[in-house]
């Protein structure tokens, strides 16, 4: 007898799969930015209103103002952050059709391509001692001189 193998079909609601969030069908998986802002500013207001009470020390006042300031700063940063739907950077996927990436490690080790005309200070910035790669530099002599008979 063949074993019955059933796989549960997952649904996607508002871009959230029920495989990741089982309650996605009920709408509990996402909180809008407006809801976060309203709840946060209400919390700041309540913290500031707690200052009007019957406490006699200033420790409570310092804590209430500090917490309200931290929450307000977080809400301001949250209000001005990007919406994450825009493209921010150029990635490796934005290459033209047929683009072949150079072998940068080989070019650096052989001092060819863009590394061919580097000065001694540029080589040192790449942690390459110029005297060790003098034989690879263009126009340099190979270190062994030919002896001519004459």
C-alpha atoms as a PDB file:
ATOM      1  CA  UNK A   1       0.000   0.000   0.000  1.00  0.00           C
ATOM      2  CA  UNK A   2       1.187   3.464  -0.814  1.00  0.00           C
ATOM      3  CA  UNK A   3       1.311   5.894   2.042  1.00  0.00           C
ATOM      4  CA  UNK A   4      -0.932   8.897   1.691  1.00  0.00           C
ATOM      5  CA  UNK A   5       1.171  12.014   1.667  1.00  0.00           C
ATOM      6  CA  UNK A   6      -0.786  15.221   1.867  1.00  0.00           C
ATOM      7  CA  UNK A   7       0.811  18.597   1.956  1.00  0.00           C
ATOM      8  CA  UNK A   8      -0.985  21.600   3.387  1.00  0.00           C
ATOM      9  CA  UNK A   9      -1.740  24.341   0.874  1.00  0.00           C
ATOM     10  CA  UNK A  10      -0.598  27.716   2.149  1.00  0.00           C
ATOM     11  CA  UNK A  11      -2.373  30.970   1.349  1.00  0.00           C
ATOM     12  CA  UNK A  12      -0.982  34.464   0.887  1.00  0.00           C
ATOM     13  CA  UNK A  13      -2.845  37.419   2.403  1.00  0.00           C
ATOM     14  CA  UNK A  14      -1.539  40.973   1.824  1.00  0.00           C
ATOM     15  CA  UNK A  15       1.869  39.596   0.889  1.00  0.00           C
ATOM     16  CA  UNK A  16       2.190  37.440   4.041  1.00  0.00           C
ATOM     17  CA  UNK A  17       2.039  33.658   3.739  1.00  0.00           C
ATOM     18  CA  UNK A  18       0.109  31.579   6.256  1.00  0.00           C
ATOM     19  CA  UNK A  19       3.171  29.314   6.300  1.00  0.00           C
ATOM     20  CA  UNK A  20       5.182  32.081   7.955  1.00  0.00           C
ATOM     21  CA  UNK A  21       2.389  33.657   9.998  1.00  0.00           C
ATOM     22  CA  UNK A  22      -0.559  31.344  10.666  1.00  0.00           C
ATOM     23  CA  UNK A  23      -2.837  34.274  11.592  1.00  0.00           C
ATOM     24  CA  UNK A  24      -2.159  36.199   8.365  1.00  0.00           C
ATOM     25  CA  UNK A  25      -5.703  35.497   7.163  1.00  0.00           C
ATOM     26  CA  UNK A  26      -7.086  37.409  10.159  1.00  0.00           C
ATOM     27  CA  UNK A  27      -4.977  40.495   9.450  1.00  0.00           C
ATOM     28  CA  UNK A  28      -2.953  40.441  12.670  1.00  0.00           C
ATOM     29  CA  UNK A  29       0.414  40.179  10.964  1.00  0.00           C
ATOM     30  CA  UNK A  30       0.801  43.765   9.831  1.00  0.00           C
ATOM     31  CA  UNK A  31       0.532  47.037  11.703  1.00  0.00           C
ATOM     32  CA  UNK A  32       0.395  50.154   9.571  1.00  0.00           C
ATOM     33  CA  UNK A  33       2.816  53.011  10.007  1.00  0.00           C
ATOM     34  CA  UNK A  34      -0.051  55.333  10.907  1.00  0.00           C
ATOM     35  CA  UNK A  35      -1.135  53.036  13.734  1.00  0.00           C
ATOM     36  CA  UNK A  36       2.390  52.980  15.145  1.00  0.00           C
ATOM     37  CA  UNK A  37       2.611  56.776  14.974  1.00  0.00           C
ATOM     38  CA  UNK A  38      -0.771  57.323  16.644  1.00  0.00           C
ATOM     39  CA  UNK A  39      -0.108  54.827  19.433  1.00  0.00           C
ATOM     40  CA  UNK A  40       3.384  56.230  20.006  1.00  0.00           C
ATOM     41  CA  UNK A  41       2.326  59.856  20.232  1.00  0.00           C
ATOM     42  CA  UNK A  42      -0.543  58.870  22.529  1.00  0.00           C
ATOM     43  CA  UNK A  43       2.034  57.134  24.769  1.00  0.00           C
ATOM     44  CA  UNK A  44       4.198  60.258  24.821  1.00  0.00           C
ATOM     45  CA  UNK A  45       1.144  62.331  25.781  1.00  0.00           C
ATOM     46  CA  UNK A  46       0.206  59.922  28.607  1.00  0.00           C
ATOM     47  CA  UNK A  47       3.779  59.913  29.962  1.00  0.00           C
ATOM     48  CA  UNK A  48       3.823  63.698  30.032  1.00  0.00           C
ATOM     49  CA  UNK A  49       0.414  63.818  31.722  1.00  0.00           C
ATOM     50  CA  UNK A  50       1.685  61.533  34.502  1.00  0.00           C
ATOM     51  CA  UNK A  51       3.760  64.493  35.688  1.00  0.00           C
ATOM     52  CA  UNK A  52       0.551  66.089  37.009  1.00  0.00           C
ATOM     53  CA  UNK A  53      -0.068  64.020  40.082  1.00  0.00           C
ATOM     54  CA  UNK A  54       0.731  63.670  43.724  1.00  0.00           C
ATOM     55  CA  UNK A  55       4.340  62.510  43.494  1.00  0.00           C
ATOM     56  CA  UNK A  56       6.691  64.576  45.606  1.00  0.00           C
ATOM     57  CA  UNK A  57      10.138  63.595  44.280  1.00  0.00           C
ATOM     58  CA  UNK A  58      11.809  64.523  41.022  1.00  0.00           C
ATOM     59  CA  UNK A  59      13.034  61.029  40.147  1.00  0.00           C
ATOM     60  CA  UNK A  60       9.632  60.216  38.645  1.00  0.00           C
ATOM     61  CA  UNK A  61       9.673  63.452  36.652  1.00  0.00           C
ATOM     62  CA  UNK A  62      13.122  62.716  35.231  1.00  0.00           C
ATOM     63  CA  UNK A  63      12.110  59.185  34.217  1.00  0.00           C
ATOM     64  CA  UNK A  64       8.821  60.302  32.657  1.00  0.00           C
ATOM     65  CA  UNK A  65      10.442  63.086  30.616  1.00  0.00           C
ATOM     66  CA  UNK A  66      13.338  60.816  29.572  1.00  0.00           C
ATOM     67  CA  UNK A  67      11.067  57.988  28.411  1.00  0.00           C
ATOM     68  CA  UNK A  68       8.790  60.427  26.578  1.00  0.00           C
ATOM     69  CA  UNK A  69      11.829  61.959  24.824  1.00  0.00           C
ATOM     70  CA  UNK A  70      13.194  58.548  23.778  1.00  0.00           C
ATOM     71  CA  UNK A  71       9.817  57.466  22.393  1.00  0.00           C
ATOM     72  CA  UNK A  72       9.359  60.804  20.595  1.00  0.00           C
ATOM     73  CA  UNK A  73      12.818  60.499  19.014  1.00  0.00           C
ATOM     74  CA  UNK A  74      12.032  56.972  17.869  1.00  0.00           C
ATOM     75  CA  UNK A  75       8.741  58.142  16.359  1.00  0.00           C
ATOM     76  CA  UNK A  76      10.445  60.968  14.482  1.00  0.00           C
ATOM     77  CA  UNK A  77      13.033  58.553  13.068  1.00  0.00           C
ATOM     78  CA  UNK A  78      10.236  56.113  12.183  1.00  0.00           C
ATOM     79  CA  UNK A  79       8.291  58.875  10.398  1.00  0.00           C
ATOM     80  CA  UNK A  80      11.193  59.831   8.124  1.00  0.00           C
ATOM     81  CA  UNK A  81      12.617  56.402   7.278  1.00  0.00           C
ATOM     82  CA  UNK A  82      12.181  55.133   3.711  1.00  0.00           C
ATOM     83  CA  UNK A  83       9.111  53.084   2.889  1.00  0.00           C
ATOM     84  CA  UNK A  84      11.309  50.152   1.694  1.00  0.00           C
ATOM     85  CA  UNK A  85       9.589  50.035  -1.684  1.00  0.00           C
ATOM     86  CA  UNK A  86      12.153  52.158  -3.472  1.00  0.00           C
ATOM     87  CA  UNK A  87      15.444  51.070  -4.956  1.00  0.00           C
ATOM     88  CA  UNK A  88      18.276  52.519  -2.868  1.00  0.00           C
ATOM     89  CA  UNK A  89      21.483  51.047  -4.206  1.00  0.00           C
ATOM     90  CA  UNK A  90      22.987  49.663  -7.345  1.00  0.00           C
ATOM     91  CA  UNK A  91      23.395  45.925  -6.894  1.00  0.00           C
ATOM     92  CA  UNK A  92      25.182  43.166  -8.738  1.00  0.00           C
ATOM     93  CA  UNK A  93      21.903  42.297 -10.445  1.00  0.00           C
ATOM     94  CA  UNK A  94      21.897  45.593 -12.369  1.00  0.00           C
ATOM     95  CA  UNK A  95      24.560  44.542 -14.866  1.00  0.00           C
ATOM     96  CA  UNK A  96      24.070  44.769 -18.636  1.00  0.00           C
ATOM     97  CA  UNK A  97      23.327  41.636 -20.624  1.00  0.00           C
ATOM     98  CA  UNK A  98      26.470  39.558 -21.186  1.00  0.00           C
ATOM     99  CA  UNK A  99      28.571  41.422 -18.603  1.00  0.00           C
ATOM    100  CA  UNK A 100      31.630  39.447 -17.496  1.00  0.00           C
ATOM    101  CA  UNK A 101      33.093  40.552 -14.161  1.00  0.00           C
ATOM    102  CA  UNK A 102      36.913  40.796 -14.225  1.00  0.00           C
ATOM    103  CA  UNK A 103      38.945  38.522 -11.975  1.00  0.00           C
ATOM    104  CA  UNK A 104      40.033  41.289  -9.622  1.00  0.00           C
ATOM    105  CA  UNK A 105      42.229  39.052  -7.467  1.00  0.00           C
ATOM    106  CA  UNK A 106      44.241  37.897 -10.512  1.00  0.00           C
ATOM    107  CA  UNK A 107      44.577  41.451 -11.836  1.00  0.00           C
ATOM    108  CA  UNK A 108      45.839  42.655  -8.462  1.00  0.00           C
ATOM    109  CA  UNK A 109      48.338  39.815  -8.041  1.00  0.00           C
ATOM    110  CA  UNK A 110      49.762  40.277 -11.550  1.00  0.00           C
ATOM    111  CA  UNK A 111      49.570  44.098 -11.462  1.00  0.00           C
ATOM    112  CA  UNK A 112      47.689  44.208 -14.740  1.00  0.00           C
ATOM    113  CA  UNK A 113      44.536  46.027 -15.800  1.00  0.00           C
ATOM    114  CA  UNK A 114      43.694  48.937 -13.498  1.00  0.00           C
ATOM    115  CA  UNK A 115      46.526  47.916 -11.132  1.00  0.00           C
ATOM    116  CA  UNK A 116      49.238  48.340 -13.799  1.00  0.00           C
ATOM    117  CA  UNK A 117      49.973  52.023 -13.249  1.00  0.00           C
ATOM    118  CA  UNK A 118      49.745  52.263  -9.453  1.00  0.00           C
ATOM    119  CA  UNK A 119      52.322  54.340  -7.640  1.00  0.00           C
ATOM    120  CA  UNK A 120      54.374  53.022  -4.725  1.00  0.00           C
ATOM    121  CA  UNK A 121      52.098  54.746  -2.214  1.00  0.00           C
ATOM    122  CA  UNK A 122      49.006  53.228  -3.868  1.00  0.00           C
ATOM    123  CA  UNK A 123      50.572  49.766  -3.685  1.00  0.00           C
ATOM    124  CA  UNK A 124      51.379  50.273  -0.012  1.00  0.00           C
ATOM    125  CA  UNK A 125      47.746  51.303   0.568  1.00  0.00           C
ATOM    126  CA  UNK A 126      46.782  47.872  -0.791  1.00  0.00           C
ATOM    127  CA  UNK A 127      49.341  46.253   1.578  1.00  0.00           C
ATOM    128  CA  UNK A 128      51.658  45.385  -1.304  1.00  0.00           C
ATOM    129  CA  UNK A 129      55.333  46.126  -0.822  1.00  0.00           C
ATOM    130  CA  UNK A 130      56.562  47.719  -4.105  1.00  0.00           C
ATOM    131  CA  UNK A 131      59.988  46.043  -3.925  1.00  0.00           C
ATOM    132  CA  UNK A 132      58.353  42.576  -3.893  1.00  0.00           C
ATOM    133  CA  UNK A 133      56.402  43.227  -7.109  1.00  0.00           C
ATOM    134  CA  UNK A 134      58.984  45.292  -8.987  1.00  0.00           C
ATOM    135  CA  UNK A 135      59.384  42.497 -11.546  1.00  0.00           C
ATOM    136  CA  UNK A 136      55.645  42.690 -12.392  1.00  0.00           C
ATOM    137  CA  UNK A 137      55.462  46.420 -13.004  1.00  0.00           C
ATOM    138  CA  UNK A 138      55.285  47.618 -16.582  1.00  0.00           C
ATOM    139  CA  UNK A 139      58.529  49.011 -17.949  1.00  0.00           C
ATOM    140  CA  UNK A 140      60.566  47.602 -15.080  1.00  0.00           C
ATOM    141  CA  UNK A 141      63.625  45.493 -15.618  1.00  0.00           C
ATOM    142  CA  UNK A 142      63.537  41.923 -14.425  1.00  0.00           C
ATOM    143  CA  UNK A 143      66.319  42.246 -11.869  1.00  0.00           C
ATOM    144  CA  UNK A 144      68.703  39.914 -13.714  1.00  0.00           C
ATOM    145  CA  UNK A 145      70.803  41.723 -16.252  1.00  0.00           C
ATOM    146  CA  UNK A 146      72.118  40.121 -19.335  1.00  0.00           C
ATOM    147  CA  UNK A 147      75.871  39.949 -19.553  1.00  0.00           C
ATOM    148  CA  UNK A 148      77.162  40.857 -22.968  1.00  0.00           C
ATOM    149  CA  UNK A 149      80.435  39.563 -24.289  1.00  0.00           C
ATOM    150  CA  UNK A 150      82.486  42.123 -25.918  1.00  0.00           C
END
